[in-house]
Amino acid sequence: MKCPFCGAQDDKVVDSRESKEADAIRRRRECLECEKRFTTYERIDEIPYMVVKKDGRREKFERHKVLNGLLHACEKRPVASSKLEQIVNDAETFVTESAERERTTSEVGELIMHRLRKLDKVAYVRFASVYLDFKDVSEFMTELNDLLKSKEPVKEAPKDAAKEAGAKDASKEAIKTMLGGSSKGKSIH
């Protein structure tokens, strides 16, 4: 702490105690250069971190809103809650590390979608369908086709062509099921 008398930055704390209201810690310090004493107060940072909505409104960042969105996207999916908690932590860290104390919802949403796409593609599509606010089915299908074409590594690669074809059919079936129908005998292209 910089001494208010001589400007030196070396001091020692000689006494610490809570304020009467218990909303701050009062510290008596002694400068090691000029030996004068001064008082500092430590308070909780009360300026909230904000997100800027698409329409320009600012709202306080609320991690429970992010978690609720992820829970809806991952409903009935084999995604561990610890993975969702990590995505929420990443989003919160991203907002709190901003020098301006705010981020756009677009920036936060992109981060979440990137993490979710690696974790579970069906949950990703569910989240993206709400977040990206598709105007029509063709925009939605474009995103689905991009997802199917992506070359992201699969945890366990199929051992032969028959298994690979089965994996593609299973992916298409999962997307069709998510859309509310069966893809038996139908093409999703």
C-alpha atoms as a PDB file:
ATOM      1  CA  MET A   1       0.000   0.000   0.000  1.00  0.00           C
ATOM      2  CA  LYS A   2       1.358   3.422  -0.924  1.00  0.00           C
ATOM      3  CA  CYS A   3       2.036   5.657   2.084  1.00  0.00           C
ATOM      4  CA  PRO A   4      -0.091   8.862   1.910  1.00  0.00           C
ATOM      5  CA  PHE A   5       2.702  10.816   3.653  1.00  0.00           C
ATOM      6  CA  CYS A   6       5.934   9.894   1.864  1.00  0.00           C
ATOM      7  CA  GLY A   7       4.745   7.759  -1.086  1.00  0.00           C
ATOM      8  CA  ALA A   8       6.792   4.692  -0.121  1.00  0.00           C
ATOM      9  CA  GLN A   9       5.208   1.335  -0.909  1.00  0.00           C
ATOM     10  CA  ASP A  10       6.573  -0.666   2.005  1.00  0.00           C
ATOM     11  CA  ASP A  11       4.366  -0.929   5.081  1.00  0.00           C
ATOM     12  CA  LYS A  12       3.226  -3.383   7.698  1.00  0.00           C
ATOM     13  CA  VAL A  13      -0.231  -4.018   9.118  1.00  0.00           C
ATOM     14  CA  VAL A  14      -0.259  -3.326  12.843  1.00  0.00           C
ATOM     15  CA  ASP A  15      -3.982  -3.899  13.504  1.00  0.00           C
ATOM     16  CA  SER A  16      -6.981  -5.374  11.629  1.00  0.00           C
ATOM     17  CA  ARG A  17     -10.617  -5.426  12.676  1.00  0.00           C
ATOM     18  CA  GLU A  18     -14.093  -5.482  11.198  1.00  0.00           C
ATOM     19  CA  SER A  19     -16.069  -2.286  10.966  1.00  0.00           C
ATOM     20  CA  LYS A  20     -19.135  -1.928  13.214  1.00  0.00           C
ATOM     21  CA  GLU A  21     -21.428  -2.692  10.273  1.00  0.00           C
ATOM     22  CA  ALA A  22     -19.306  -5.762   9.334  1.00  0.00           C
ATOM     23  CA  ASP A  23     -19.163  -4.566   5.723  1.00  0.00           C
ATOM     24  CA  ALA A  24     -15.464  -3.664   5.729  1.00  0.00           C
ATOM     25  CA  ILE A  25     -12.154  -4.500   7.357  1.00  0.00           C
ATOM     26  CA  ARG A  26     -10.253  -1.620   8.915  1.00  0.00           C
ATOM     27  CA  ARG A  27      -6.468  -1.956   8.810  1.00  0.00           C
ATOM     28  CA  ARG A  28      -3.953   0.253  10.646  1.00  0.00           C
ATOM     29  CA  ARG A  29      -0.697   0.328   8.727  1.00  0.00           C
ATOM     30  CA  GLU A  30       2.730   1.707   9.503  1.00  0.00           C
ATOM     31  CA  CYS A  31       5.050   2.962   6.774  1.00  0.00           C
ATOM     32  CA  LEU A  32       8.466   1.311   6.993  1.00  0.00           C
ATOM     33  CA  GLU A  33      10.154   4.421   5.545  1.00  0.00           C
ATOM     34  CA  CYS A  34       8.709   7.391   7.496  1.00  0.00           C
ATOM     35  CA  GLU A  35       7.147   5.282  10.323  1.00  0.00           C
ATOM     36  CA  LYS A  36       3.848   7.212  10.188  1.00  0.00           C
ATOM     37  CA  ARG A  37       0.599   5.326  10.597  1.00  0.00           C
ATOM     38  CA  PHE A  38      -2.451   5.402   8.336  1.00  0.00           C
ATOM     39  CA  THR A  39      -5.752   3.555   8.006  1.00  0.00           C
ATOM     40  CA  THR A  40      -7.099   1.597   5.018  1.00  0.00           C
ATOM     41  CA  TYR A  41     -10.464  -0.089   4.505  1.00  0.00           C
ATOM     42  CA  GLU A  42     -11.092  -3.284   2.600  1.00  0.00           C
ATOM     43  CA  ARG A  43     -14.595  -3.585   1.146  1.00  0.00           C
ATOM     44  CA  ILE A  44     -16.381  -6.081  -1.075  1.00  0.00           C
ATOM     45  CA  ASP A  45     -16.426  -5.044  -4.712  1.00  0.00           C
ATOM     46  CA  GLU A  46     -20.102  -4.185  -5.216  1.00  0.00           C
ATOM     47  CA  ILE A  47     -20.078  -3.073  -8.847  1.00  0.00           C
ATOM     48  CA  PRO A  48     -21.771  -5.925 -10.715  1.00  0.00           C
ATOM     49  CA  TYR A  49     -20.446  -7.549 -13.842  1.00  0.00           C
ATOM     50  CA  MET A  50     -22.738  -6.835 -16.769  1.00  0.00           C
ATOM     51  CA  VAL A  51     -23.780  -8.416 -20.040  1.00  0.00           C
ATOM     52  CA  VAL A  52     -24.882  -6.265 -22.957  1.00  0.00           C
ATOM     53  CA  LYS A  53     -27.969  -7.678 -24.671  1.00  0.00           C
ATOM     54  CA  LYS A  54     -28.493  -7.616 -28.452  1.00  0.00           C
ATOM     55  CA  ASP A  55     -30.788  -4.585 -28.127  1.00  0.00           C
ATOM     56  CA  GLY A  56     -28.163  -2.652 -26.124  1.00  0.00           C
ATOM     57  CA  ARG A  57     -29.713  -3.139 -22.671  1.00  0.00           C
ATOM     58  CA  ARG A  58     -27.330  -4.013 -19.860  1.00  0.00           C
ATOM     59  CA  GLU A  59     -28.136  -6.658 -17.268  1.00  0.00           C
ATOM     60  CA  LYS A  60     -26.233  -8.049 -14.334  1.00  0.00           C
ATOM     61  CA  PHE A  61     -24.468 -11.314 -15.209  1.00  0.00           C
ATOM     62  CA  GLU A  62     -26.279 -14.134 -13.437  1.00  0.00           C
ATOM     63  CA  ARG A  63     -24.657 -17.542 -13.526  1.00  0.00           C
ATOM     64  CA  HIS A  64     -27.906 -19.299 -12.653  1.00  0.00           C
ATOM     65  CA  LYS A  65     -29.398 -18.102 -15.964  1.00  0.00           C
ATOM     66  CA  VAL A  66     -26.489 -19.664 -17.858  1.00  0.00           C
ATOM     67  CA  LEU A  67     -26.849 -22.899 -15.896  1.00  0.00           C
ATOM     68  CA  ASN A  68     -30.619 -23.033 -16.507  1.00  0.00           C
ATOM     69  CA  GLY A  69     -30.071 -22.635 -20.256  1.00  0.00           C
ATOM     70  CA  LEU A  70     -27.509 -25.427 -20.231  1.00  0.00           C
ATOM     71  CA  LEU A  71     -29.765 -27.695 -18.164  1.00  0.00           C
ATOM     72  CA  HIS A  72     -32.578 -27.244 -20.700  1.00  0.00           C
ATOM     73  CA  ALA A  73     -30.224 -27.964 -23.605  1.00  0.00           C
ATOM     74  CA  CYS A  74     -28.837 -31.078 -21.898  1.00  0.00           C
ATOM     75  CA  GLU A  75     -32.160 -32.468 -20.686  1.00  0.00           C
ATOM     76  CA  LYS A  76     -32.197 -36.268 -21.098  1.00  0.00           C
ATOM     77  CA  ARG A  77     -28.631 -36.190 -22.417  1.00  0.00           C
ATOM     78  CA  PRO A  78     -25.652 -38.058 -20.912  1.00  0.00           C
ATOM     79  CA  VAL A  79     -23.870 -34.897 -19.775  1.00  0.00           C
ATOM     80  CA  ALA A  80     -22.371 -34.771 -16.291  1.00  0.00           C
ATOM     81  CA  SER A  81     -23.447 -31.835 -14.142  1.00  0.00           C
ATOM     82  CA  SER A  82     -19.778 -31.215 -13.348  1.00  0.00           C
ATOM     83  CA  LYS A  83     -19.185 -30.509 -17.059  1.00  0.00           C
ATOM     84  CA  LEU A  84     -22.054 -28.006 -17.093  1.00  0.00           C
ATOM     85  CA  GLU A  85     -20.686 -26.374 -13.945  1.00  0.00           C
ATOM     86  CA  GLN A  86     -17.308 -26.015 -15.681  1.00  0.00           C
ATOM     87  CA  ILE A  87     -18.939 -24.300 -18.679  1.00  0.00           C
ATOM     88  CA  VAL A  88     -20.726 -21.894 -16.302  1.00  0.00           C
ATOM     89  CA  ASN A  89     -17.435 -21.241 -14.485  1.00  0.00           C
ATOM     90  CA  ASP A  90     -15.706 -20.558 -17.812  1.00  0.00           C
ATOM     91  CA  ALA A  91     -18.456 -18.115 -18.826  1.00  0.00           C
ATOM     92  CA  GLU A  92     -18.309 -16.332 -15.470  1.00  0.00           C
ATOM     93  CA  THR A  93     -14.516 -16.093 -15.615  1.00  0.00           C
ATOM     94  CA  PHE A  94     -14.771 -14.711 -19.158  1.00  0.00           C
ATOM     95  CA  VAL A  95     -17.102 -11.936 -17.941  1.00  0.00           C
ATOM     96  CA  THR A  96     -15.178 -11.123 -14.766  1.00  0.00           C
ATOM     97  CA  GLU A  97     -11.839 -10.917 -16.588  1.00  0.00           C
ATOM     98  CA  SER A  98     -13.142  -8.141 -18.827  1.00  0.00           C
ATOM     99  CA  ALA A  99     -11.414  -4.832 -18.106  1.00  0.00           C
ATOM    100  CA  GLU A 100     -14.694  -2.997 -18.786  1.00  0.00           C
ATOM    101  CA  ARG A 101     -16.598  -5.277 -16.344  1.00  0.00           C
ATOM    102  CA  GLU A 102     -18.980  -6.277 -19.135  1.00  0.00           C
ATOM    103  CA  ARG A 103     -19.258  -8.561 -22.161  1.00  0.00           C
ATOM    104  CA  THR A 104     -21.835  -8.850 -24.903  1.00  0.00           C
ATOM    105  CA  THR A 105     -24.268 -11.748 -24.757  1.00  0.00           C
ATOM    106  CA  SER A 106     -22.938 -12.672 -28.223  1.00  0.00           C
ATOM    107  CA  GLU A 107     -19.430 -13.166 -26.821  1.00  0.00           C
ATOM    108  CA  VAL A 108     -20.682 -15.201 -23.860  1.00  0.00           C
ATOM    109  CA  GLY A 109     -23.012 -17.248 -26.065  1.00  0.00           C
ATOM    110  CA  GLU A 110     -20.228 -18.077 -28.525  1.00  0.00           C
ATOM    111  CA  LEU A 111     -18.019 -19.298 -25.686  1.00  0.00           C
ATOM    112  CA  ILE A 112     -20.825 -21.500 -24.322  1.00  0.00           C
ATOM    113  CA  MET A 113     -21.693 -22.887 -27.765  1.00  0.00           C
ATOM    114  CA  HIS A 114     -18.037 -23.701 -28.464  1.00  0.00           C
ATOM    115  CA  ARG A 115     -17.761 -25.645 -25.181  1.00  0.00           C
ATOM    116  CA  LEU A 116     -21.128 -27.365 -25.672  1.00  0.00           C
ATOM    117  CA  ARG A 117     -20.331 -28.404 -29.249  1.00  0.00           C
ATOM    118  CA  LYS A 118     -17.292 -30.329 -27.977  1.00  0.00           C
ATOM    119  CA  LEU A 119     -19.311 -31.883 -25.151  1.00  0.00           C
ATOM    120  CA  ASP A 120     -22.587 -33.011 -26.756  1.00  0.00           C
ATOM    121  CA  LYS A 121     -23.737 -32.210 -30.286  1.00  0.00           C
ATOM    122  CA  VAL A 122     -27.463 -32.658 -29.590  1.00  0.00           C
ATOM    123  CA  ALA A 123     -27.264 -30.321 -26.587  1.00  0.00           C
ATOM    124  CA  TYR A 124     -25.287 -27.912 -28.780  1.00  0.00           C
ATOM    125  CA  VAL A 125     -28.034 -27.871 -31.430  1.00  0.00           C
ATOM    126  CA  ARG A 126     -30.707 -27.363 -28.778  1.00  0.00           C
ATOM    127  CA  PHE A 127     -28.796 -24.459 -27.240  1.00  0.00           C
ATOM    128  CA  ALA A 128     -27.955 -22.975 -30.648  1.00  0.00           C
ATOM    129  CA  SER A 129     -31.585 -23.157 -31.775  1.00  0.00           C
ATOM    130  CA  VAL A 130     -32.563 -20.828 -28.933  1.00  0.00           C
ATOM    131  CA  TYR A 131     -29.411 -18.718 -28.816  1.00  0.00           C
ATOM    132  CA  LEU A 132     -29.020 -18.152 -32.564  1.00  0.00           C
ATOM    133  CA  ASP A 133     -32.748 -17.437 -32.954  1.00  0.00           C
ATOM    134  CA  PHE A 134     -33.116 -19.094 -36.360  1.00  0.00           C
ATOM    135  CA  LYS A 135     -35.579 -17.235 -38.586  1.00  0.00           C
ATOM    136  CA  ASP A 136     -36.622 -20.297 -40.578  1.00  0.00           C
ATOM    137  CA  VAL A 137     -36.013 -24.024 -41.009  1.00  0.00           C
ATOM    138  CA  SER A 138     -33.372 -23.503 -43.711  1.00  0.00           C
ATOM    139  CA  GLU A 139     -31.106 -21.600 -41.272  1.00  0.00           C
ATOM    140  CA  PHE A 140     -31.579 -24.400 -38.754  1.00  0.00           C
ATOM    141  CA  MET A 141     -30.806 -27.089 -41.353  1.00  0.00           C
ATOM    142  CA  THR A 142     -27.690 -25.206 -42.464  1.00  0.00           C
ATOM    143  CA  GLU A 143     -26.391 -25.329 -38.880  1.00  0.00           C
ATOM    144  CA  LEU A 144     -27.248 -29.046 -38.628  1.00  0.00           C
ATOM    145  CA  ASN A 145     -25.498 -29.819 -41.913  1.00  0.00           C
ATOM    146  CA  ASP A 146     -22.410 -27.880 -40.783  1.00  0.00           C
ATOM    147  CA  LEU A 147     -22.427 -29.915 -37.581  1.00  0.00           C
ATOM    148  CA  LEU A 148     -22.692 -33.204 -39.482  1.00  0.00           C
ATOM    149  CA  LYS A 149     -19.864 -32.184 -41.834  1.00  0.00           C
ATOM    150  CA  SER A 150     -17.545 -31.055 -39.033  1.00  0.00           C
ATOM    151  CA  LYS A 151     -14.326 -32.984 -38.743  1.00  0.00           C
ATOM    152  CA  GLU A 152     -14.117 -32.818 -34.957  1.00  0.00           C
ATOM    153  CA  PRO A 153     -12.451 -35.922 -33.516  1.00  0.00           C
ATOM    154  CA  VAL A 154     -14.693 -38.714 -32.270  1.00  0.00           C
ATOM    155  CA  LYS A 155     -13.738 -40.329 -28.956  1.00  0.00           C
ATOM    156  CA  GLU A 156     -13.795 -43.847 -30.440  1.00  0.00           C
ATOM    157  CA  ALA A 157     -13.365 -44.138 -34.202  1.00  0.00           C
ATOM    158  CA  PRO A 158     -15.363 -46.881 -35.977  1.00  0.00           C
ATOM    159  CA  LYS A 159     -13.237 -49.878 -36.977  1.00  0.00           C
ATOM    160  CA  ASP A 160     -14.775 -50.432 -40.414  1.00  0.00           C
ATOM    161  CA  ALA A 161     -16.949 -48.818 -43.085  1.00  0.00           C
ATOM    162  CA  ALA A 162     -20.135 -50.547 -41.880  1.00  0.00           C
ATOM    163  CA  LYS A 163     -19.688 -49.146 -38.377  1.00  0.00           C
ATOM    164  CA  GLU A 164     -18.879 -45.700 -39.820  1.00  0.00           C
ATOM    165  CA  ALA A 165     -22.102 -45.736 -41.864  1.00  0.00           C
ATOM    166  CA  GLY A 166     -23.985 -46.845 -38.748  1.00  0.00           C
ATOM    167  CA  ALA A 167     -22.495 -43.943 -36.769  1.00  0.00           C
ATOM    168  CA  LYS A 168     -23.623 -41.439 -39.429  1.00  0.00           C
ATOM    169  CA  ASP A 169     -27.115 -42.964 -39.441  1.00  0.00           C
ATOM    170  CA  ALA A 170     -27.198 -42.765 -35.636  1.00  0.00           C
ATOM    171  CA  SER A 171     -26.244 -39.073 -35.782  1.00  0.00           C
ATOM    172  CA  LYS A 172     -28.966 -38.361 -38.315  1.00  0.00           C
ATOM    173  CA  GLU A 173     -31.446 -40.355 -36.211  1.00  0.00           C
ATOM    174  CA  ALA A 174     -30.523 -38.343 -33.103  1.00  0.00           C
ATOM    175  CA  ILE A 175     -31.076 -35.060 -34.939  1.00  0.00           C
ATOM    176  CA  LYS A 176     -34.404 -36.236 -36.368  1.00  0.00           C
ATOM    177  CA  THR A 177     -35.529 -37.444 -32.939  1.00  0.00           C
ATOM    178  CA  MET A 178     -34.595 -34.082 -31.481  1.00  0.00           C
ATOM    179  CA  LEU A 179     -36.674 -32.389 -34.180  1.00  0.00           C
ATOM    180  CA  GLY A 180     -39.650 -34.516 -33.181  1.00  0.00           C
ATOM    181  CA  GLY A 181     -39.791 -37.250 -35.801  1.00  0.00           C
ATOM    182  CA  SER A 182     -38.220 -40.431 -37.021  1.00  0.00           C
ATOM    183  CA  SER A 183     -35.752 -40.506 -39.892  1.00  0.00           C
ATOM    184  CA  LYS A 184     -36.525 -44.118 -40.865  1.00  0.00           C
ATOM    185  CA  GLY A 185     -36.591 -44.086 -44.655  1.00  0.00           C
ATOM    186  CA  LYS A 186     -36.285 -40.275 -44.803  1.00  0.00           C
ATOM    187  CA  SER A 187     -33.379 -38.047 -45.728  1.00  0.00           C
ATOM    188  CA  ILE A 188     -32.551 -35.010 -43.614  1.00  0.00           C
ATOM    189  CA  HIS A 189     -30.630 -33.218 -46.376  1.00  0.00           C
END
